[in-house]
N, C-alpha and C. Protein backbone atom coordinates (compact mmCIF):
# COMPACT_ATOMS: atom_id res chain seq x y z
N UNK A 1 -68.82 -22.93 14.48
CA UNK A 1 -69.04 -22.91 13.06
C UNK A 1 -69.94 -24.03 12.64
N UNK A 2 -70.95 -23.81 11.88
CA UNK A 2 -71.93 -24.82 11.45
C UNK A 2 -71.30 -25.53 10.27
N UNK A 3 -71.73 -26.83 10.16
CA UNK A 3 -71.25 -27.61 9.06
C UNK A 3 -71.90 -27.05 7.73
N UNK A 4 -71.33 -27.34 6.66
CA UNK A 4 -71.85 -26.82 5.37
C UNK A 4 -73.19 -27.46 5.02
N UNK A 5 -74.04 -26.72 4.48
CA UNK A 5 -75.34 -27.26 4.07
C UNK A 5 -75.10 -27.87 2.60
N UNK A 6 -76.21 -28.45 2.18
CA UNK A 6 -76.19 -29.16 0.84
C UNK A 6 -75.63 -28.24 -0.31
N UNK A 7 -76.17 -27.09 -0.36
CA UNK A 7 -75.73 -26.17 -1.36
C UNK A 7 -74.23 -25.85 -1.33
N UNK A 8 -73.75 -25.63 -0.17
CA UNK A 8 -72.33 -25.25 0.08
C UNK A 8 -71.47 -26.52 -0.29
N UNK A 9 -71.89 -27.64 0.06
CA UNK A 9 -71.09 -28.84 -0.28
C UNK A 9 -71.08 -29.05 -1.79
N UNK A 10 -72.23 -28.82 -2.47
CA UNK A 10 -72.30 -28.93 -3.90
C UNK A 10 -71.37 -27.92 -4.58
N UNK A 11 -71.29 -26.70 -4.08
CA UNK A 11 -70.39 -25.74 -4.63
C UNK A 11 -68.92 -26.13 -4.44
N UNK A 12 -68.65 -26.70 -3.32
CA UNK A 12 -67.29 -27.19 -2.99
C UNK A 12 -66.91 -28.27 -4.00
N UNK A 13 -67.74 -29.24 -4.13
CA UNK A 13 -67.48 -30.32 -5.06
C UNK A 13 -67.32 -29.94 -6.53
N UNK A 14 -68.13 -28.95 -6.90
CA UNK A 14 -68.08 -28.46 -8.32
C UNK A 14 -66.77 -27.74 -8.53
N UNK A 15 -66.38 -26.89 -7.51
CA UNK A 15 -65.03 -26.21 -7.59
C UNK A 15 -63.84 -27.17 -7.62
N UNK A 16 -63.94 -28.22 -6.74
CA UNK A 16 -62.93 -29.32 -6.77
C UNK A 16 -62.82 -29.96 -8.09
N UNK A 17 -63.99 -30.30 -8.69
CA UNK A 17 -64.01 -31.02 -9.94
C UNK A 17 -63.41 -30.18 -11.01
N UNK A 18 -63.65 -28.88 -11.03
CA UNK A 18 -63.14 -27.91 -11.98
C UNK A 18 -61.60 -27.91 -11.91
N UNK A 19 -61.17 -27.80 -10.65
CA UNK A 19 -59.67 -27.79 -10.47
C UNK A 19 -59.04 -29.02 -10.91
N UNK A 20 -59.58 -30.19 -10.53
CA UNK A 20 -59.03 -31.41 -10.99
C UNK A 20 -59.08 -31.68 -12.45
N UNK A 21 -60.12 -31.07 -13.14
CA UNK A 21 -60.21 -31.30 -14.58
C UNK A 21 -59.08 -30.45 -15.16
N UNK A 22 -58.75 -29.32 -14.59
CA UNK A 22 -57.60 -28.52 -15.15
C UNK A 22 -56.31 -29.32 -14.90
N UNK A 23 -56.17 -29.85 -13.66
CA UNK A 23 -54.97 -30.76 -13.39
C UNK A 23 -54.85 -31.84 -14.47
N UNK A 24 -56.00 -32.52 -14.68
CA UNK A 24 -55.95 -33.64 -15.60
C UNK A 24 -55.62 -33.13 -17.05
N UNK A 25 -56.08 -31.99 -17.44
CA UNK A 25 -55.72 -31.49 -18.75
C UNK A 25 -54.22 -31.19 -18.94
N UNK A 26 -53.54 -30.93 -17.73
CA UNK A 26 -52.10 -30.68 -17.76
C UNK A 26 -51.30 -31.98 -17.49
N UNK A 27 -52.04 -33.00 -17.16
CA UNK A 27 -51.44 -34.28 -16.89
C UNK A 27 -50.59 -34.17 -15.58
N UNK A 28 -51.17 -33.47 -14.58
CA UNK A 28 -50.54 -33.24 -13.26
C UNK A 28 -51.41 -34.07 -12.31
N UNK A 29 -50.63 -34.94 -11.52
CA UNK A 29 -51.41 -35.70 -10.51
C UNK A 29 -51.43 -35.07 -9.22
N UNK A 30 -50.37 -34.33 -8.70
CA UNK A 30 -50.30 -33.82 -7.44
C UNK A 30 -50.75 -32.30 -7.43
N UNK A 31 -51.83 -31.97 -6.79
CA UNK A 31 -52.25 -30.59 -6.68
C UNK A 31 -51.12 -29.73 -6.15
N UNK A 32 -50.98 -28.62 -6.76
CA UNK A 32 -49.96 -27.62 -6.31
C UNK A 32 -48.71 -27.68 -7.27
N UNK A 33 -48.62 -28.77 -8.10
CA UNK A 33 -47.50 -28.87 -9.02
C UNK A 33 -47.75 -28.45 -10.37
N UNK A 34 -48.89 -27.63 -10.54
CA UNK A 34 -49.26 -27.19 -11.91
C UNK A 34 -48.62 -25.86 -12.30
N UNK A 35 -47.80 -25.28 -11.35
CA UNK A 35 -47.04 -24.12 -11.64
C UNK A 35 -47.95 -22.84 -11.91
N UNK A 36 -49.09 -22.78 -11.19
CA UNK A 36 -49.89 -21.62 -11.36
C UNK A 36 -50.85 -21.62 -12.52
N UNK A 37 -50.84 -22.70 -13.30
CA UNK A 37 -51.52 -22.78 -14.58
C UNK A 37 -53.06 -22.94 -14.27
N UNK A 38 -53.44 -23.32 -13.12
CA UNK A 38 -54.88 -23.51 -12.67
C UNK A 38 -55.22 -22.56 -11.68
N UNK A 39 -54.64 -21.31 -11.58
CA UNK A 39 -54.80 -20.40 -10.56
C UNK A 39 -56.27 -20.00 -10.26
N UNK A 40 -57.03 -19.80 -11.34
CA UNK A 40 -58.47 -19.43 -11.18
C UNK A 40 -59.27 -20.56 -10.50
N UNK A 41 -58.97 -21.80 -10.95
CA UNK A 41 -59.64 -22.97 -10.39
C UNK A 41 -59.29 -23.22 -8.93
N UNK A 42 -58.01 -23.17 -8.62
CA UNK A 42 -57.58 -23.42 -7.26
C UNK A 42 -58.09 -22.29 -6.34
N UNK A 43 -58.11 -21.08 -6.79
CA UNK A 43 -58.72 -19.99 -6.00
C UNK A 43 -60.18 -20.27 -5.67
N UNK A 44 -60.89 -20.72 -6.67
CA UNK A 44 -62.35 -21.06 -6.47
C UNK A 44 -62.50 -22.24 -5.57
N UNK A 45 -61.67 -23.19 -5.70
CA UNK A 45 -61.70 -24.43 -4.81
C UNK A 45 -61.40 -24.00 -3.41
N UNK A 46 -60.45 -23.26 -3.14
CA UNK A 46 -60.05 -22.79 -1.82
C UNK A 46 -61.12 -21.91 -1.21
N UNK A 47 -61.74 -21.11 -2.02
CA UNK A 47 -62.84 -20.27 -1.55
C UNK A 47 -64.07 -21.08 -1.15
N UNK A 48 -64.44 -22.04 -1.94
CA UNK A 48 -65.66 -22.72 -1.80
C UNK A 48 -65.61 -23.85 -0.69
N UNK A 49 -64.49 -24.24 -0.44
CA UNK A 49 -64.26 -25.43 0.54
C UNK A 49 -63.50 -25.03 1.73
N UNK A 50 -63.84 -25.63 2.90
CA UNK A 50 -63.00 -25.47 4.10
C UNK A 50 -61.57 -25.95 3.82
N UNK A 51 -60.60 -25.33 4.47
CA UNK A 51 -59.24 -25.68 4.27
C UNK A 51 -58.99 -27.14 4.55
N UNK A 52 -59.67 -27.73 5.54
CA UNK A 52 -59.47 -29.14 5.91
C UNK A 52 -60.00 -30.03 4.74
N UNK A 53 -61.10 -29.61 4.14
CA UNK A 53 -61.62 -30.32 2.94
C UNK A 53 -60.68 -30.28 1.75
N UNK A 54 -60.12 -29.05 1.54
CA UNK A 54 -59.16 -28.99 0.41
C UNK A 54 -58.01 -29.92 0.66
N UNK A 55 -57.45 -29.94 1.82
CA UNK A 55 -56.32 -30.79 2.16
C UNK A 55 -56.72 -32.29 2.00
N UNK A 56 -57.95 -32.62 2.49
CA UNK A 56 -58.35 -34.00 2.39
C UNK A 56 -58.53 -34.49 0.95
N UNK A 57 -59.22 -33.61 0.11
CA UNK A 57 -59.47 -33.94 -1.26
C UNK A 57 -58.14 -34.04 -2.00
N UNK A 58 -57.18 -33.19 -1.74
CA UNK A 58 -55.91 -33.20 -2.41
C UNK A 58 -55.07 -34.46 -2.05
N UNK A 59 -55.11 -34.82 -0.77
CA UNK A 59 -54.44 -36.10 -0.40
C UNK A 59 -55.11 -37.34 -1.03
N UNK A 60 -56.45 -37.26 -1.05
CA UNK A 60 -57.27 -38.41 -1.61
C UNK A 60 -56.99 -38.55 -3.07
N UNK A 61 -56.84 -37.48 -3.81
CA UNK A 61 -56.51 -37.46 -5.25
C UNK A 61 -55.25 -38.24 -5.46
N UNK A 62 -54.21 -37.82 -4.73
CA UNK A 62 -52.87 -38.52 -4.96
C UNK A 62 -53.02 -39.98 -4.61
N UNK A 63 -53.62 -40.29 -3.46
CA UNK A 63 -53.70 -41.62 -3.02
C UNK A 63 -54.48 -42.45 -4.11
N UNK A 64 -55.56 -41.94 -4.53
CA UNK A 64 -56.41 -42.70 -5.58
C UNK A 64 -55.71 -42.94 -6.87
N UNK A 65 -54.85 -41.95 -7.34
CA UNK A 65 -54.14 -42.09 -8.49
C UNK A 65 -53.05 -43.20 -8.36
N UNK A 66 -52.36 -43.15 -7.19
CA UNK A 66 -51.34 -44.15 -6.97
C UNK A 66 -51.92 -45.57 -6.78
N UNK A 67 -53.12 -45.61 -6.12
CA UNK A 67 -53.76 -46.88 -5.96
C UNK A 67 -54.18 -47.45 -7.27
N UNK A 68 -54.71 -46.65 -8.20
CA UNK A 68 -55.24 -47.10 -9.54
C UNK A 68 -54.01 -47.56 -10.34
N UNK A 69 -52.82 -46.91 -10.22
CA UNK A 69 -51.76 -47.31 -10.92
C UNK A 69 -51.21 -48.61 -10.39
N UNK A 70 -51.21 -48.84 -9.11
CA UNK A 70 -50.76 -50.02 -8.49
C UNK A 70 -51.64 -51.24 -8.96
N UNK A 71 -52.99 -50.99 -9.06
CA UNK A 71 -53.92 -52.05 -9.42
C UNK A 71 -53.76 -52.34 -10.94
N UNK A 72 -53.27 -51.48 -11.70
CA UNK A 72 -53.04 -51.69 -13.16
C UNK A 72 -51.74 -52.43 -13.30
N UNK A 73 -50.87 -52.40 -12.29
CA UNK A 73 -49.62 -53.06 -12.38
C UNK A 73 -48.48 -52.16 -12.80
N UNK A 74 -48.65 -50.87 -12.53
CA UNK A 74 -47.57 -49.95 -13.02
C UNK A 74 -47.73 -48.75 -12.40
């Protein structure tokens, strides 16, 4: 399998950003805990990105949020 080209990566990032915007609007930090409220966005994210990328981005989101909270002192 060939690595994604620039256009495919851009589509993936845009789908990820749309999903995370939906999570942010619901004040949900951990992907998958939105109770199906972002179903359209998560479907687009899963379709546009390789499964390993989805897993990576989701873990990174949780880590980044926890790290930012720790740096703020709370």
